[in-house]
Structures are given as structure tokens and as C-alpha cells.
Amino acid sequence: MKVAACKYPVGRPADFAAFADKQRRLLGEAASLGARVAVLPEYLSLELAALFPPSVHADLRASLAAIQSLRGDWLELFAGIARDTGMYVVAGSFLLAQAGGRYRNRSDLFAPGGGHLWQDKLQLTGFEKAVGVIEGGDALKVAEIDGVRCAISVCYDSEFPLPVRAQYEAGARLLLVPSCTDTAAGATRVQVGCLARALENRIFVVQAVTAGRAPWSPALDENTGEATVYAPMDAGFPDDGILARTRGDEAWAIAELDFGLLEATRGRAQVANDRDWSGQHAPSLVRARVEGFEPL
């Protein structure tokens, strides 16, 4: 299975048609490179706030309310691209209105046959908490693509081992991570999270990122990081766990994933974090005790 992670250049579309053309062009490029699965970055929907006046796009709460009118067009656009390209498409994330004036950071996955499912972001960053109207999701999901089970972990969620472990235990061997970070430290945190999840579960991880500057938006103002495809750092895979990574102005990190090799290496692994996971739950290890120094 060939996968593609996007380093998405944030822009300022003049209208929805311009936004749609950009998505078709980018995803058409991934399809031409043979990708079966393509991942766009977190907060992609907030680029649509540029369609509204400055009083809206300069205010995050106003932006969230405004883009709701485009949700139907969003779904139709990406469903059509998935159908036309024959790819499974993770359309980044859309901040979707909920009851009580709240929003969930929802990552949509579109199938070429017309199916659609989603994963809501579970953990909120300090920025998202400060907004005051964004809430975390309450369910974990796993889907199947061409006989391979996959899951979505939205940005900060990839830094938490237990939810991803639950997805792994439900059969996921491919983790799709739409992300958006505005500092080098933030980009490093998500990278370390992705590497750790690949290591401890023996899975592939595909991370998309936003790139460039959008000073008109309080959420997309600064963007950094490289789109990357990760593998376990073990027998049969690169020592650094990097299968593919964008450089410079490259839009896509593309890698061919061999799930047969992934499963075969479990038996000859140098370390087996995935199999040894339960050792952490030994009764004597669940809690640490404080001890004083004893004389020799």
C-alpha cells in the first residue's frame, strides 16, 4: 500500500472554488504518484475562514461559526476527490459545531467507494482550551482499508500512548496523523509521539503538516514541520524510523508500506515492545514506592 503525507502550504483562497481547485490539484498529484491513502493536515478547514471579512477571519470564534455554512460543500468536495482519484483521503480536520455552541476537531476519512467516517480529536492543547468553545471527542475508531486496519490520531492525540494502544489492540497497523504546529518544539513533540507510537506498537504512522505563514488567521498564523512516514526502528526498517520525509517545497512524503514485512518482523524483532506491553501491568509495577537510603 502506497501512502502520502502532505506538507500543506497554507494559503488565502479567494472563494470556495479556489480552495477546491487547490485540493484537487494537490490530491491529484498524490494519486499520480500511486498513493492509495493520502493525509492532509489538521485545521485545514480554517483556511476557509479567509473567505470571510477581516472581522471574521481575525477572530477564531467568529471563524468557527462562519465555516459551518461550508460543511456540506466540504463533504461533497472530498467525497468527490476520493471517488475520482480512487484514493482514501483524510481531509485534515474540520472544526464542527456541536450542541451548546461547542465545536469538535473532526478528521474525516473518505473512501473511493463513497463511504465516510471520522475521528474526533480527544485531547485539547492549551491553545484549544483557551479558545473556550472547543471540546474533545469521546470515542475511538478503527477502519479497514484494503484488508488493513487503520486509525486516525489528530496531532496532540499522537503524543498519548494509551488511546493509540487501544486502536492497535482493535487491529490497527496504520496510524494516520493530521497535525498542525507553529513552533519547532511543537513539531518535535508530534514527531517524537509518532516515532514512539510506531516503536511501541510496531505500526506504520503517516503524519501530515501545515506549512508557511497565514498572518490573517489566529490559528494558522505560523506553521512548521515536515510531513513524514514512520516505521518501527527495528529489523527490516530504517534505523531512524523514517521511511519518507518532505524537504523544502515538496508537497508529499510518499512511501510504499509492506504490511507483510511488518508482521514478519514481529518474530525476529530486536525488541518487542508490542508483545512486551503487558509487562508494564505487573501488580508490583503499577505503583512506585518511595524508599529511603539504607546503610551498607
Protein backbone atom coordinates (compact mmCIF):
# COMPACT_ATOMS: atom_id res chain seq x y z
CA MET A 1 0.00 0.00 0.00
CA LYS A 2 1.42 3.37 -1.00
CA VAL A 3 0.66 6.28 1.35
CA ALA A 4 1.13 10.03 1.02
CA ALA A 5 1.53 12.62 3.80
CA CYS A 6 1.04 16.25 2.81
CA LYS A 7 3.17 19.25 3.73
CA TYR A 8 0.32 21.62 3.07
CA PRO A 9 1.13 25.21 2.06
CA VAL A 10 -1.44 27.33 3.88
CA GLY A 11 -2.88 29.96 1.59
CA ARG A 12 -5.66 32.53 1.41
CA PRO A 13 -8.26 31.32 -1.09
CA ALA A 14 -10.47 33.94 -2.70
CA ASP A 15 -13.52 31.67 -2.72
CA PHE A 16 -14.54 28.06 -2.21
CA ALA A 17 -13.88 27.25 -5.84
CA ALA A 18 -10.23 28.30 -5.43
CA PHE A 19 -9.96 26.19 -2.27
CA ALA A 20 -11.49 23.21 -4.10
CA ASP A 21 -9.13 23.60 -7.06
CA LYS A 22 -6.16 23.55 -4.69
CA GLN A 23 -7.36 20.32 -3.06
CA ARG A 24 -7.98 18.65 -6.42
CA ARG A 25 -4.54 19.67 -7.66
CA LEU A 26 -2.69 18.51 -4.55
CA LEU A 27 -4.55 15.23 -4.19
CA GLY A 28 -4.39 14.62 -7.92
CA GLU A 29 -0.60 14.85 -7.60
CA ALA A 30 -0.61 12.24 -4.82
CA ALA A 31 -2.81 9.97 -6.92
CA SER A 32 -0.47 10.35 -9.91
CA LEU A 33 2.36 9.15 -7.67
CA GLY A 34 0.40 5.99 -6.95
CA ALA A 35 -0.90 6.76 -3.46
CA ARG A 36 -3.78 4.69 -2.14
CA VAL A 37 -4.10 6.74 1.06
CA ALA A 38 -3.48 10.50 1.29
CA VAL A 39 -3.42 12.52 4.52
CA LEU A 40 -3.99 16.29 4.74
CA PRO A 41 -3.21 18.32 7.89
CA GLU A 42 -5.15 19.34 10.97
CA TYR A 43 -7.06 22.67 10.88
CA LEU A 44 -7.34 22.53 7.09
CA SER A 45 -10.90 23.88 7.33
CA LEU A 46 -9.69 27.11 8.92
CA GLU A 47 -8.16 28.11 5.61
CA LEU A 48 -11.79 28.63 4.57
CA ALA A 49 -12.10 31.46 7.11
CA ALA A 50 -10.19 33.57 4.58
CA LEU A 51 -13.38 33.70 2.50
CA PHE A 52 -14.99 35.95 5.12
CA PRO A 53 -14.31 39.60 6.09
CA PRO A 54 -11.40 40.53 8.42
CA SER A 55 -13.79 40.90 11.34
CA VAL A 56 -14.43 37.17 10.95
CA HIS A 57 -11.13 35.63 9.89
CA ALA A 58 -9.15 37.57 12.50
CA ASP A 59 -11.37 36.18 15.27
CA LEU A 60 -11.19 32.43 15.90
CA ARG A 61 -14.64 32.07 17.42
CA ALA A 62 -16.17 34.01 14.54
CA SER A 63 -14.19 31.88 12.08
CA LEU A 64 -15.51 28.66 13.62
CA ALA A 65 -19.09 29.87 13.34
CA ALA A 66 -18.66 31.12 9.78
CA ILE A 67 -17.18 27.99 8.23
CA GLN A 68 -20.15 25.86 9.32
CA SER A 69 -22.04 27.09 6.27
CA LEU A 70 -19.42 25.35 4.11
CA ARG A 71 -19.62 21.92 5.77
CA GLY A 72 -21.86 20.49 3.05
CA ASP A 73 -19.54 21.74 0.30
CA TRP A 74 -16.57 20.29 2.23
CA LEU A 75 -18.12 16.84 2.38
CA GLU A 76 -19.12 16.92 -1.28
CA LEU A 77 -15.67 18.11 -2.36
CA PHE A 78 -13.61 15.47 -0.62
CA ALA A 79 -16.06 12.66 -1.33
CA GLY A 80 -15.77 13.57 -5.00
CA ILE A 81 -11.97 13.70 -4.91
CA ALA A 82 -11.80 10.29 -3.22
CA ARG A 83 -14.13 8.88 -5.85
CA ASP A 84 -12.33 10.47 -8.80
CA THR A 85 -8.80 9.58 -7.68
CA GLY A 86 -9.55 6.13 -6.24
CA MET A 87 -7.79 7.14 -3.02
CA TYR A 88 -8.76 7.07 0.62
CA VAL A 89 -8.50 10.70 1.73
CA VAL A 90 -8.04 12.05 5.26
CA ALA A 91 -9.29 15.61 4.80
CA GLY A 92 -7.26 17.10 7.64
CA SER A 93 -9.76 18.33 10.20
CA PHE A 94 -12.93 20.41 10.29
CA LEU A 95 -13.99 22.25 13.46
CA LEU A 96 -17.58 21.04 13.52
CA ALA A 97 -20.37 22.68 15.52
CA GLN A 98 -21.96 20.69 18.36
CA ALA A 99 -24.83 21.40 20.71
CA GLY A 100 -24.43 24.27 23.15
CA GLY A 101 -22.16 26.37 20.95
CA ARG A 102 -19.24 23.93 21.19
CA TYR A 103 -17.01 22.57 18.40
CA ARG A 104 -15.17 19.31 17.84
CA ASN A 105 -11.97 18.99 15.87
CA ARG A 106 -13.15 16.29 13.45
CA SER A 107 -10.94 14.42 10.99
CA ASP A 108 -12.93 12.99 8.08
CA LEU A 109 -11.86 9.90 6.14
CA PHE A 110 -13.39 9.46 2.69
CA ALA A 111 -13.41 6.17 0.77
CA PRO A 112 -13.31 5.99 -3.03
CA GLY A 113 -16.48 3.92 -2.99
CA GLY A 114 -18.41 6.72 -1.34
CA GLY A 115 -18.09 5.78 2.34
CA HIS A 116 -17.21 8.28 5.04
CA LEU A 117 -16.22 8.07 8.70
CA TRP A 118 -14.46 10.31 11.20
CA GLN A 119 -12.35 10.53 14.32
CA ASP A 120 -12.68 13.47 16.70
CA LYS A 121 -9.60 14.85 18.44
CA LEU A 122 -9.61 13.66 22.04
CA GLN A 123 -7.07 15.77 23.90
CA LEU A 124 -7.06 19.56 23.71
CA THR A 125 -3.91 21.66 23.58
CA GLY A 126 -3.52 24.75 25.74
CA PHE A 127 -4.44 26.89 22.73
CA GLU A 128 -7.65 24.93 22.14
CA LYS A 129 -8.62 25.09 25.80
CA ALA A 130 -8.04 28.85 25.82
CA VAL A 131 -10.48 29.32 22.92
CA GLY A 132 -13.18 28.22 25.36
CA VAL A 133 -15.57 26.59 22.87
CA ILE A 134 -13.67 23.53 21.61
CA GLU A 135 -14.35 20.17 23.25
CA GLY A 136 -12.65 16.80 22.99
CA GLY A 137 -14.16 13.73 21.40
CA ASP A 138 -15.45 10.73 23.33
CA ALA A 139 -14.86 7.71 21.07
CA LEU A 140 -12.01 5.81 19.41
CA LYS A 141 -12.46 4.31 15.96
CA VAL A 142 -10.67 1.89 13.67
CA ALA A 143 -11.44 1.39 9.97
CA GLU A 144 -10.31 -1.05 7.29
CA ILE A 145 -8.61 -0.17 4.02
CA ASP A 146 -7.80 -2.94 1.55
CA GLY A 147 -7.70 -5.50 4.35
CA VAL A 148 -5.50 -3.33 6.60
CA ARG A 149 -6.95 -1.79 9.72
CA CYS A 150 -6.11 1.86 10.24
CA ALA A 151 -6.86 4.60 12.75
CA ILE A 152 -6.67 8.39 12.97
CA SER A 153 -4.90 10.25 15.79
CA VAL A 154 -5.24 14.02 15.48
CA CYS A 155 -1.99 15.88 16.26
CA TYR A 156 -1.73 16.13 20.08
CA ASP A 157 -3.50 12.77 20.43
CA SER A 158 -0.46 11.07 18.88
CA GLU A 159 1.52 12.06 21.99
CA PHE A 160 -0.64 9.83 24.23
CA PRO A 161 0.16 6.11 24.20
CA LEU A 162 -3.00 4.55 25.66
CA PRO A 163 -5.65 5.63 23.11
CA VAL A 164 -3.37 4.62 20.24
CA ARG A 165 -2.69 1.34 22.03
CA ALA A 166 -6.44 0.74 22.17
CA GLN A 167 -6.62 1.33 18.42
CA TYR A 168 -3.71 -1.07 17.93
CA GLU A 169 -5.45 -3.70 20.04
CA ALA A 170 -8.51 -3.28 17.81
CA GLY A 171 -6.27 -4.30 14.92
CA ALA A 172 -4.87 -1.00 13.64
CA ARG A 173 -1.49 -1.34 11.94
CA LEU A 174 -1.56 2.06 10.22
CA LEU A 175 -1.93 5.33 12.15
CA LEU A 176 -2.89 8.47 10.22
CA VAL A 177 -1.91 11.73 11.94
CA PRO A 178 -3.14 15.09 10.60
CA SER A 179 -1.15 17.74 12.51
CA CYS A 180 -0.59 21.48 12.78
CA THR A 181 2.25 23.01 14.82
CA ASP A 182 3.50 26.58 14.99
CA THR A 183 6.89 26.12 16.68
CA ALA A 184 9.90 23.87 16.22
CA ALA A 185 9.27 22.48 19.70
CA GLY A 186 5.69 21.60 18.78
CA ALA A 187 6.81 19.91 15.58
CA THR A 188 9.37 17.90 17.55
CA ARG A 189 6.76 16.83 20.10
CA VAL A 190 4.48 15.38 17.43
CA GLN A 191 7.43 13.74 15.67
CA VAL A 192 8.55 12.10 18.92
CA GLY A 193 4.98 10.97 19.58
CA CYS A 194 4.71 9.42 16.12
CA LEU A 195 8.05 7.65 16.49
CA ALA A 196 7.07 6.34 19.92
CA ARG A 197 3.72 5.03 18.70
CA ALA A 198 5.45 3.28 15.78
CA LEU A 199 8.01 1.72 18.14
CA GLU A 200 5.78 0.53 20.96
CA ASN A 201 3.03 -0.88 18.72
CA ARG A 202 5.07 -1.96 15.67
CA ILE A 203 2.88 0.02 13.28
CA PHE A 204 3.31 2.49 10.42
CA VAL A 205 2.49 6.16 11.11
CA VAL A 206 1.69 8.80 8.47
CA GLN A 207 1.90 12.44 9.59
CA ALA A 208 0.71 15.43 7.56
CA VAL A 209 1.64 19.03 8.48
CA THR A 210 0.76 22.63 7.69
CA ALA A 211 3.47 24.88 6.24
CA GLY A 212 4.08 28.58 5.74
CA ARG A 213 2.54 31.71 7.26
CA ALA A 214 -1.03 32.96 7.41
CA PRO A 215 -0.91 36.19 9.45
CA TRP A 216 -4.61 36.78 8.75
CA SER A 217 -5.56 33.77 10.92
CA PRO A 218 -5.10 33.44 14.72
CA ALA A 219 -4.91 29.64 14.34
CA LEU A 220 -2.86 29.23 11.14
CA ASP A 221 -0.53 32.18 11.65
CA GLU A 222 2.75 30.22 11.84
CA ASN A 223 3.33 26.66 10.64
CA THR A 224 6.34 24.39 10.80
CA GLY A 225 7.34 20.74 10.46
CA GLU A 226 7.85 18.13 7.77
CA ALA A 227 5.36 15.56 6.51
CA THR A 228 6.72 12.13 7.41
CA VAL A 229 6.02 8.42 7.13
CA TYR A 230 7.35 6.42 10.10
CA ALA A 231 8.12 2.74 10.71
CA PRO A 232 9.32 0.78 13.75
CA MET A 233 13.04 1.29 14.41
CA ASP A 234 13.82 -2.38 14.12
CA ALA A 235 14.77 -5.25 11.80
CA GLY A 236 13.75 -4.62 8.21
CA PHE A 237 13.19 -0.87 8.56
CA PRO A 238 15.32 2.30 8.67
CA ASP A 239 17.38 2.78 11.82
CA ASP A 240 15.82 6.20 12.44
CA GLY A 241 12.28 5.03 11.70
CA ILE A 242 11.88 7.46 8.77
CA LEU A 243 10.55 5.90 5.57
CA ALA A 244 9.90 9.22 3.81
CA ARG A 245 10.02 12.92 4.69
CA THR A 246 9.42 16.13 2.80
CA ARG A 247 12.16 18.67 2.19
CA GLY A 248 11.90 22.28 1.16
CA ASP A 249 8.87 22.91 -1.05
CA GLU A 250 7.97 19.24 -1.53
CA ALA A 251 4.26 18.73 -1.01
CA TRP A 252 4.21 14.98 -0.37
CA ALA A 253 6.14 12.37 1.57
CA ILE A 254 5.42 9.11 -0.27
CA ALA A 255 6.20 5.58 0.92
CA GLU A 256 5.25 2.04 -0.03
CA LEU A 257 4.18 0.16 3.11
CA ASP A 258 4.78 -3.58 3.30
CA PHE A 259 2.40 -4.96 5.91
CA GLY A 260 3.56 -8.50 5.25
CA LEU A 261 7.08 -7.47 6.22
CA LEU A 262 5.72 -5.62 9.23
CA GLU A 263 4.06 -8.76 10.55
CA ALA A 264 7.02 -10.99 9.65
CA THR A 265 9.44 -8.82 11.65
CA ARG A 266 7.47 -9.39 14.86
CA GLY A 267 9.07 -12.81 15.11
CA ARG A 268 12.65 -11.59 14.68
CA ALA A 269 12.41 -8.24 16.41
CA GLN A 270 15.45 -6.85 18.23
CA VAL A 271 12.98 -5.57 20.82
CA ALA A 272 9.28 -6.40 21.08
CA ASN A 273 7.56 -3.51 22.80
CA ASP A 274 4.27 -4.54 21.23
CA ARG A 275 4.45 -8.06 22.68
CA ASP A 276 6.03 -6.98 25.97
CA TRP A 277 3.47 -4.24 26.63
CA SER A 278 1.61 -6.26 29.26
CA GLY A 279 4.76 -6.45 31.41
CA GLN A 280 4.06 -2.87 32.49
CA HIS A 281 0.88 -4.04 34.19
CA ALA A 282 2.52 -6.42 36.66
CA PRO A 283 0.99 -5.72 40.10
CA SER A 284 4.36 -4.78 41.57
CA LEU A 285 4.90 -2.18 38.83
CA VAL A 286 1.55 -0.44 38.75
CA ARG A 287 2.61 1.92 41.53
CA ALA A 288 6.06 3.04 42.62
CA ARG A 289 7.03 3.28 46.26
CA VAL A 290 9.31 5.84 47.82
CA GLU A 291 12.23 4.37 49.72
CA GLY A 292 14.99 5.89 51.81
CA PHE A 293 18.69 5.10 51.54
CA GLU A 294 19.84 2.24 53.75
CA PRO A 295 23.34 1.95 55.22
CA LEU A 296 25.60 -0.61 53.58
